[in-house]
């Protein structure tokens, strides 16, 4: 489920993630997948994130680093490069019994450059959003059994 960006809106604990803009399953490190986003405090409100897969070790771990394109909504343009912010979302999965998996969600912002930290407080959300994401993932997994 985590390798399918079309599920990320259901899993997201912040309410910011919208639909996948690529419609592709995550296949390998280095792959970029784009997501529509919405946040009342973002200057454009609706924007997009381009995420680079950092780790894809099925069924043990998946991680991605969000970035944005050059325009004010984060959109990509032909020939443009994604600017990554230094924060990483990571899910570690470990079998914990028959049909059961323990999941650890990490939001690592230790590599965020100082200029970003001046503009955005890190983490940019209440830590309860991580718990909400794990609960949403568990509910989705249970519904798909």
N, C-alpha and C. Protein backbone atom coordinates (compact mmCIF):
# COMPACT_ATOMS: atom_id res chain seq x y z
N UNK A 1 0.81 -1.20 0.00
CA UNK A 1 0.00 0.00 0.00
C UNK A 1 0.85 1.26 0.00
N UNK A 2 1.96 1.24 0.73
CA UNK A 2 2.81 2.43 0.80
C UNK A 2 3.49 2.72 -0.53
N UNK A 3 3.68 1.68 -1.36
CA UNK A 3 4.29 1.87 -2.68
C UNK A 3 3.27 2.29 -3.73
N UNK A 4 2.04 2.50 -3.31
CA UNK A 4 0.97 2.94 -4.22
C UNK A 4 0.55 4.35 -3.82
N UNK A 5 1.05 5.38 -4.50
CA UNK A 5 0.72 6.75 -4.13
C UNK A 5 -0.78 7.07 -4.11
N UNK A 6 -1.58 6.28 -4.81
CA UNK A 6 -3.03 6.55 -4.78
C UNK A 6 -3.63 6.30 -3.40
N UNK A 7 -2.90 5.61 -2.51
CA UNK A 7 -3.39 5.38 -1.14
C UNK A 7 -2.91 6.45 -0.16
N UNK A 8 -1.97 7.29 -0.56
CA UNK A 8 -1.34 8.21 0.38
C UNK A 8 -2.32 9.22 0.98
N UNK A 9 -3.34 9.61 0.24
CA UNK A 9 -4.32 10.54 0.81
C UNK A 9 -5.06 9.88 1.97
N UNK A 10 -5.38 8.59 1.83
CA UNK A 10 -6.07 7.87 2.90
C UNK A 10 -5.18 7.67 4.12
N UNK A 11 -3.88 7.52 3.89
CA UNK A 11 -2.94 7.25 4.97
C UNK A 11 -2.54 8.53 5.70
N UNK A 12 -2.41 9.62 4.98
CA UNK A 12 -1.92 10.88 5.52
C UNK A 12 -2.64 11.31 6.78
N UNK A 13 -1.87 11.66 7.81
CA UNK A 13 -2.46 12.10 9.07
C UNK A 13 -2.62 13.60 9.19
N UNK A 14 -2.14 14.36 8.21
CA UNK A 14 -2.24 15.82 8.28
C UNK A 14 -3.45 16.37 7.56
N UNK A 15 -3.96 15.62 6.58
CA UNK A 15 -5.05 16.12 5.74
C UNK A 15 -4.56 16.97 4.59
N UNK A 16 -3.25 17.05 4.38
CA UNK A 16 -2.68 17.89 3.33
C UNK A 16 -2.56 17.16 2.00
N UNK A 17 -2.36 15.83 2.03
CA UNK A 17 -2.11 15.07 0.81
C UNK A 17 -3.41 14.88 0.03
N UNK A 18 -3.33 15.13 -1.26
CA UNK A 18 -4.47 14.92 -2.15
C UNK A 18 -4.13 13.75 -3.08
N UNK A 19 -4.44 13.84 -4.35
CA UNK A 19 -4.28 12.70 -5.25
C UNK A 19 -2.88 12.60 -5.84
N UNK A 20 -2.57 11.36 -6.29
CA UNK A 20 -1.34 11.12 -7.04
C UNK A 20 -1.47 11.80 -8.39
N UNK A 21 -0.42 12.46 -8.83
CA UNK A 21 -0.45 13.14 -10.13
C UNK A 21 0.16 12.29 -11.24
N UNK A 22 0.80 11.18 -10.87
CA UNK A 22 1.46 10.32 -11.84
C UNK A 22 0.71 9.01 -12.08
N UNK A 23 0.06 8.50 -11.04
CA UNK A 23 -0.67 7.24 -11.16
C UNK A 23 0.23 6.02 -11.31
N UNK A 24 1.49 6.13 -10.88
CA UNK A 24 2.42 5.01 -11.02
C UNK A 24 2.77 4.42 -9.66
N UNK A 25 2.92 3.10 -9.62
CA UNK A 25 3.40 2.43 -8.42
C UNK A 25 4.88 2.75 -8.24
N UNK A 26 5.30 2.86 -7.00
CA UNK A 26 6.70 3.14 -6.71
C UNK A 26 7.53 1.89 -6.96
N UNK A 27 8.59 2.03 -7.76
CA UNK A 27 9.31 0.85 -8.24
C UNK A 27 10.78 0.79 -7.84
N UNK A 28 11.45 1.95 -7.65
CA UNK A 28 12.89 1.88 -7.40
C UNK A 28 13.39 3.19 -6.79
N UNK A 29 14.49 3.10 -6.02
CA UNK A 29 15.09 4.33 -5.50
C UNK A 29 15.47 5.27 -6.65
N UNK A 30 15.28 6.56 -6.41
CA UNK A 30 15.55 7.57 -7.43
C UNK A 30 14.32 7.97 -8.22
N UNK A 31 13.29 7.12 -8.22
CA UNK A 31 12.05 7.45 -8.94
C UNK A 31 11.40 8.67 -8.29
N UNK A 32 10.85 9.53 -9.11
CA UNK A 32 10.11 10.70 -8.64
C UNK A 32 8.62 10.43 -8.80
N UNK A 33 7.86 10.70 -7.75
CA UNK A 33 6.40 10.64 -7.87
C UNK A 33 5.83 11.94 -7.34
N UNK A 34 4.81 12.43 -8.02
CA UNK A 34 4.23 13.73 -7.70
C UNK A 34 2.87 13.57 -7.04
N UNK A 35 2.63 14.42 -6.04
CA UNK A 35 1.37 14.41 -5.31
C UNK A 35 0.78 15.82 -5.27
N UNK A 36 -0.52 15.90 -5.46
CA UNK A 36 -1.24 17.16 -5.24
C UNK A 36 -1.39 17.33 -3.73
N UNK A 37 -1.28 18.56 -3.28
CA UNK A 37 -1.33 18.88 -1.85
C UNK A 37 -2.25 20.08 -1.64
N UNK A 38 -2.69 20.24 -0.38
CA UNK A 38 -3.46 21.44 -0.02
C UNK A 38 -3.16 21.77 1.44
N UNK A 39 -2.88 23.05 1.68
CA UNK A 39 -2.67 23.52 3.05
C UNK A 39 -3.10 24.98 3.10
N UNK A 40 -3.95 25.31 4.07
CA UNK A 40 -4.44 26.69 4.19
C UNK A 40 -3.32 27.71 4.37
N UNK A 41 -2.21 27.31 5.00
CA UNK A 41 -1.12 28.25 5.25
C UNK A 41 -0.09 28.31 4.14
N UNK A 42 -0.24 27.48 3.11
CA UNK A 42 0.69 27.55 1.97
C UNK A 42 0.29 28.77 1.13
N UNK A 43 1.26 29.52 0.63
CA UNK A 43 0.91 30.72 -0.16
C UNK A 43 -0.04 30.45 -1.32
N UNK A 44 0.08 29.28 -1.95
CA UNK A 44 -0.78 28.96 -3.09
C UNK A 44 -1.99 28.11 -2.69
N UNK A 45 -2.07 27.73 -1.42
CA UNK A 45 -3.11 26.82 -0.91
C UNK A 45 -2.98 25.44 -1.55
N UNK A 46 -3.34 25.30 -2.84
CA UNK A 46 -3.16 24.04 -3.57
C UNK A 46 -1.78 24.09 -4.23
N UNK A 47 -1.02 23.03 -4.04
CA UNK A 47 0.34 22.98 -4.59
C UNK A 47 0.69 21.53 -4.86
N UNK A 48 1.89 21.27 -5.36
CA UNK A 48 2.29 19.89 -5.59
C UNK A 48 3.68 19.65 -5.02
N UNK A 49 3.91 18.41 -4.65
CA UNK A 49 5.22 17.97 -4.17
C UNK A 49 5.73 16.90 -5.11
N UNK A 50 7.01 16.97 -5.41
CA UNK A 50 7.70 15.94 -6.19
C UNK A 50 8.58 15.18 -5.21
N UNK A 51 8.32 13.90 -5.04
CA UNK A 51 8.98 13.10 -4.03
C UNK A 51 9.94 12.11 -4.68
N UNK A 52 11.17 12.04 -4.16
CA UNK A 52 12.15 11.09 -4.68
C UNK A 52 12.26 9.91 -3.72
N UNK A 53 12.11 8.71 -4.26
CA UNK A 53 12.25 7.51 -3.44
C UNK A 53 13.71 7.38 -3.02
N UNK A 54 13.94 7.32 -1.72
CA UNK A 54 15.28 7.17 -1.16
C UNK A 54 15.57 5.70 -0.85
N UNK A 55 14.56 5.00 -0.34
CA UNK A 55 14.70 3.58 0.03
C UNK A 55 13.45 2.86 -0.45
N UNK A 56 13.64 1.72 -1.09
CA UNK A 56 12.53 0.84 -1.42
C UNK A 56 13.04 -0.58 -1.26
N UNK A 57 12.84 -1.12 -0.07
CA UNK A 57 13.31 -2.44 0.31
C UNK A 57 12.10 -3.25 0.76
N UNK A 58 11.35 -3.75 -0.23
CA UNK A 58 10.14 -4.50 0.08
C UNK A 58 10.49 -5.81 0.75
N UNK A 59 9.83 -6.22 1.75
CA UNK A 59 8.73 -5.58 2.46
C UNK A 59 9.19 -4.89 3.75
N UNK A 60 10.45 -4.42 3.79
CA UNK A 60 11.01 -3.92 5.04
C UNK A 60 10.97 -2.42 5.24
N UNK A 61 11.16 -1.65 4.17
CA UNK A 61 11.26 -0.19 4.35
C UNK A 61 10.95 0.54 3.06
N UNK A 62 10.41 1.74 3.23
CA UNK A 62 10.21 2.66 2.12
C UNK A 62 10.41 4.07 2.67
N UNK A 63 11.10 4.90 1.90
CA UNK A 63 11.33 6.29 2.33
C UNK A 63 11.37 7.18 1.10
N UNK A 64 10.90 8.42 1.29
CA UNK A 64 10.98 9.39 0.20
C UNK A 64 11.28 10.77 0.75
N UNK A 65 11.91 11.57 -0.10
CA UNK A 65 12.26 12.95 0.25
C UNK A 65 11.44 13.89 -0.63
N UNK A 66 10.60 14.71 -0.02
CA UNK A 66 9.80 15.66 -0.79
C UNK A 66 10.63 16.82 -1.33
N UNK A 67 10.21 17.31 -2.47
CA UNK A 67 10.80 18.49 -3.07
C UNK A 67 9.74 19.21 -3.89
N UNK A 68 10.13 20.32 -4.46
CA UNK A 68 9.19 21.09 -5.26
C UNK A 68 9.85 21.61 -6.52
N UNK A 69 9.00 21.88 -7.49
CA UNK A 69 9.44 22.51 -8.73
C UNK A 69 9.62 24.00 -8.54
N UNK A 70 9.98 24.68 -9.60
CA UNK A 70 10.39 26.08 -9.49
C UNK A 70 9.28 27.11 -9.37
N UNK A 71 8.03 26.79 -9.72
CA UNK A 71 7.04 27.87 -9.64
C UNK A 71 6.43 27.96 -8.25
N UNK A 72 5.61 28.95 -8.00
CA UNK A 72 5.10 29.22 -6.66
C UNK A 72 4.15 28.15 -6.14
N UNK A 73 3.72 27.24 -6.99
CA UNK A 73 2.87 26.12 -6.55
C UNK A 73 3.66 24.82 -6.50
N UNK A 74 4.98 24.89 -6.73
CA UNK A 74 5.80 23.69 -6.69
C UNK A 74 5.72 22.86 -7.95
N UNK A 75 5.08 23.38 -8.99
CA UNK A 75 4.87 22.62 -10.22
C UNK A 75 6.17 22.45 -10.99
N UNK A 76 6.27 21.32 -11.64
CA UNK A 76 7.42 21.05 -12.50
C UNK A 76 7.17 21.63 -13.88
N UNK A 77 8.25 22.05 -14.51
CA UNK A 77 8.19 22.56 -15.88
C UNK A 77 9.25 21.82 -16.68
N UNK A 78 9.06 21.69 -17.99
CA UNK A 78 10.06 20.98 -18.80
C UNK A 78 11.47 21.53 -18.57
N UNK A 79 12.40 20.63 -18.31
CA UNK A 79 13.79 21.01 -18.11
C UNK A 79 14.12 21.51 -16.71
N UNK A 80 13.12 21.65 -15.85
CA UNK A 80 13.35 22.16 -14.50
C UNK A 80 13.82 21.03 -13.58
N UNK A 81 14.51 21.41 -12.54
CA UNK A 81 14.99 20.45 -11.55
C UNK A 81 14.16 20.59 -10.28
N UNK A 82 13.98 19.47 -9.59
CA UNK A 82 13.29 19.47 -8.31
C UNK A 82 14.27 19.96 -7.25
N UNK A 83 13.79 20.83 -6.37
CA UNK A 83 14.59 21.27 -5.24
C UNK A 83 14.10 20.53 -4.00
N UNK A 84 14.97 19.68 -3.45
CA UNK A 84 14.60 18.89 -2.28
C UNK A 84 14.92 19.65 -1.01
N UNK A 85 14.05 19.49 0.00
CA UNK A 85 14.17 20.28 1.22
C UNK A 85 14.99 19.67 2.33
N UNK A 86 15.35 18.39 2.21
CA UNK A 86 16.16 17.77 3.24
C UNK A 86 15.39 16.96 4.27
N UNK A 87 14.05 16.92 4.17
CA UNK A 87 13.28 16.10 5.11
C UNK A 87 12.86 14.81 4.41
N UNK A 88 12.74 13.74 5.22
CA UNK A 88 12.46 12.40 4.68
C UNK A 88 11.36 11.74 5.49
N UNK A 89 10.41 11.17 4.77
CA UNK A 89 9.37 10.31 5.36
C UNK A 89 9.85 8.87 5.21
N UNK A 90 9.84 8.10 6.28
CA UNK A 90 10.30 6.71 6.22
C UNK A 90 9.36 5.82 7.02
N UNK A 91 9.00 4.70 6.40
CA UNK A 91 8.22 3.66 7.05
C UNK A 91 9.09 2.41 7.13
N UNK A 92 9.28 1.88 8.34
CA UNK A 92 9.96 0.60 8.55
C UNK A 92 8.92 -0.41 8.98
N UNK A 93 8.96 -1.58 8.33
CA UNK A 93 7.96 -2.62 8.57
C UNK A 93 8.64 -3.89 9.04
N UNK A 94 8.04 -4.53 10.04
CA UNK A 94 8.58 -5.78 10.57
C UNK A 94 7.43 -6.72 10.89
N UNK A 95 7.52 -7.94 10.37
CA UNK A 95 6.49 -8.94 10.67
C UNK A 95 6.44 -9.13 12.19
N UNK A 96 5.22 -9.14 12.73
CA UNK A 96 5.08 -9.27 14.18
C UNK A 96 4.13 -10.39 14.57
N UNK A 97 3.87 -11.28 13.64
CA UNK A 97 2.98 -12.41 13.89
C UNK A 97 2.25 -12.77 12.62
N UNK A 98 1.49 -13.85 12.66
CA UNK A 98 0.75 -14.25 11.45
C UNK A 98 -0.20 -13.14 10.99
N UNK A 99 0.02 -12.65 9.78
CA UNK A 99 -0.85 -11.62 9.22
C UNK A 99 -0.74 -10.27 9.90
N UNK A 100 0.35 -10.04 10.64
CA UNK A 100 0.49 -8.80 11.39
C UNK A 100 1.86 -8.17 11.12
N UNK A 101 1.88 -6.85 11.01
CA UNK A 101 3.12 -6.12 10.75
C UNK A 101 3.21 -4.91 11.67
N UNK A 102 4.37 -4.76 12.31
CA UNK A 102 4.63 -3.56 13.11
C UNK A 102 5.24 -2.51 12.18
N UNK A 103 4.72 -1.29 12.25
CA UNK A 103 5.19 -0.22 11.37
C UNK A 103 5.69 0.95 12.22
N UNK A 104 6.87 1.43 11.87
CA UNK A 104 7.43 2.62 12.50
C UNK A 104 7.50 3.71 11.43
N UNK A 105 6.95 4.86 11.74
CA UNK A 105 6.97 6.01 10.83
C UNK A 105 7.92 7.05 11.40
N UNK A 106 8.88 7.46 10.57
CA UNK A 106 9.86 8.47 10.98
C UNK A 106 9.78 9.66 10.03
N UNK A 107 9.77 10.84 10.61
CA UNK A 107 9.86 12.09 9.84
C UNK A 107 11.17 12.74 10.26
N UNK A 108 12.18 12.65 9.41
CA UNK A 108 13.53 13.12 9.74
C UNK A 108 13.79 14.45 9.03
N UNK A 109 13.96 15.50 9.80
CA UNK A 109 14.23 16.82 9.22
C UNK A 109 15.65 17.29 9.58
N UNK A 110 16.52 16.36 9.97
CA UNK A 110 17.87 16.73 10.41
C UNK A 110 18.73 17.34 9.30
N UNK A 111 18.39 17.10 8.04
CA UNK A 111 19.17 17.65 6.93
C UNK A 111 18.53 18.86 6.27
N UNK A 112 17.54 19.45 6.93
CA UNK A 112 16.90 20.65 6.37
C UNK A 112 17.85 21.84 6.52
N UNK A 113 18.16 22.53 5.42
CA UNK A 113 19.07 23.67 5.49
C UNK A 113 18.51 24.82 6.34
N UNK A 114 19.41 25.59 6.91
CA UNK A 114 19.04 26.71 7.79
C UNK A 114 18.05 27.67 7.15
N UNK A 115 18.19 28.05 5.87
CA UNK A 115 17.21 28.99 5.29
C UNK A 115 15.77 28.46 5.35
N UNK A 116 15.58 27.17 5.14
CA UNK A 116 14.23 26.60 5.24
C UNK A 116 13.74 26.65 6.68
N UNK A 117 14.65 26.37 7.62
CA UNK A 117 14.27 26.35 9.03
C UNK A 117 13.87 27.74 9.52
N UNK A 118 14.39 28.78 8.89
CA UNK A 118 13.98 30.14 9.26
C UNK A 118 12.55 30.43 8.80
N UNK A 119 12.16 29.84 7.67
CA UNK A 119 10.84 30.10 7.10
C UNK A 119 9.75 29.15 7.59
N UNK A 120 10.15 27.92 7.93
CA UNK A 120 9.19 26.89 8.30
C UNK A 120 9.63 26.27 9.62
N UNK A 121 8.76 26.21 10.63
CA UNK A 121 9.14 25.52 11.86
C UNK A 121 9.15 24.01 11.61
N UNK A 122 10.14 23.30 12.15
CA UNK A 122 10.20 21.85 12.00
C UNK A 122 10.08 21.18 13.34
N UNK A 123 9.24 20.14 13.42
CA UNK A 123 8.37 19.66 12.35
C UNK A 123 7.24 20.66 12.10
N UNK A 124 6.74 20.70 10.86
CA UNK A 124 5.71 21.69 10.51
C UNK A 124 4.29 21.24 10.86
N UNK A 125 4.17 20.26 11.74
CA UNK A 125 2.87 19.74 12.14
C UNK A 125 3.00 19.18 13.54
N UNK A 126 1.88 18.97 14.18
CA UNK A 126 1.87 18.36 15.51
C UNK A 126 2.28 16.89 15.38
N UNK A 127 3.10 16.38 16.31
CA UNK A 127 3.52 14.98 16.24
C UNK A 127 2.35 13.97 16.21
N UNK A 128 1.18 14.38 16.67
CA UNK A 128 0.02 13.47 16.63
C UNK A 128 -0.33 13.07 15.20
N UNK A 129 0.09 13.88 14.23
CA UNK A 129 -0.20 13.53 12.83
C UNK A 129 0.52 12.24 12.42
N UNK A 130 1.68 11.96 13.01
CA UNK A 130 2.37 10.71 12.73
C UNK A 130 1.54 9.54 13.24
N UNK A 131 1.03 9.66 14.46
CA UNK A 131 0.16 8.61 15.01
C UNK A 131 -1.09 8.44 14.16
N UNK A 132 -1.66 9.55 13.72
CA UNK A 132 -2.85 9.48 12.86
C UNK A 132 -2.54 8.73 11.57
N UNK A 133 -1.38 8.98 10.99
CA UNK A 133 -0.99 8.29 9.76
C UNK A 133 -0.89 6.79 9.99
N UNK A 134 -0.29 6.39 11.11
CA UNK A 134 -0.17 4.96 11.41
C UNK A 134 -1.54 4.33 11.64
N UNK A 135 -2.42 5.04 12.31
CA UNK A 135 -3.79 4.53 12.50
C UNK A 135 -4.51 4.40 11.17
N UNK A 136 -4.35 5.39 10.31
CA UNK A 136 -4.99 5.34 8.98
C UNK A 136 -4.44 4.18 8.16
N UNK A 137 -3.13 3.96 8.23
CA UNK A 137 -2.51 2.84 7.51
C UNK A 137 -3.06 1.51 8.03
N UNK A 138 -3.16 1.37 9.34
CA UNK A 138 -3.70 0.14 9.93
C UNK A 138 -5.14 -0.09 9.49
N UNK A 139 -5.94 0.95 9.49
CA UNK A 139 -7.34 0.82 9.06
C UNK A 139 -7.44 0.41 7.60
N UNK A 140 -6.60 1.00 6.77
CA UNK A 140 -6.60 0.67 5.34
C UNK A 140 -6.16 -0.78 5.13
N UNK A 141 -5.13 -1.20 5.85
CA UNK A 141 -4.66 -2.59 5.73
C UNK A 141 -5.74 -3.56 6.17
N UNK A 142 -6.40 -3.24 7.26
CA UNK A 142 -7.47 -4.12 7.76
C UNK A 142 -8.62 -4.20 6.76
N UNK A 143 -8.97 -3.09 6.16
CA UNK A 143 -10.07 -3.06 5.19
C UNK A 143 -9.74 -3.86 3.93
N UNK A 144 -8.46 -3.99 3.63
CA UNK A 144 -8.05 -4.69 2.41
C UNK A 144 -7.75 -6.17 2.64
N UNK A 145 -7.89 -6.63 3.85
CA UNK A 145 -7.65 -8.06 4.14
C UNK A 145 -8.65 -8.93 3.48
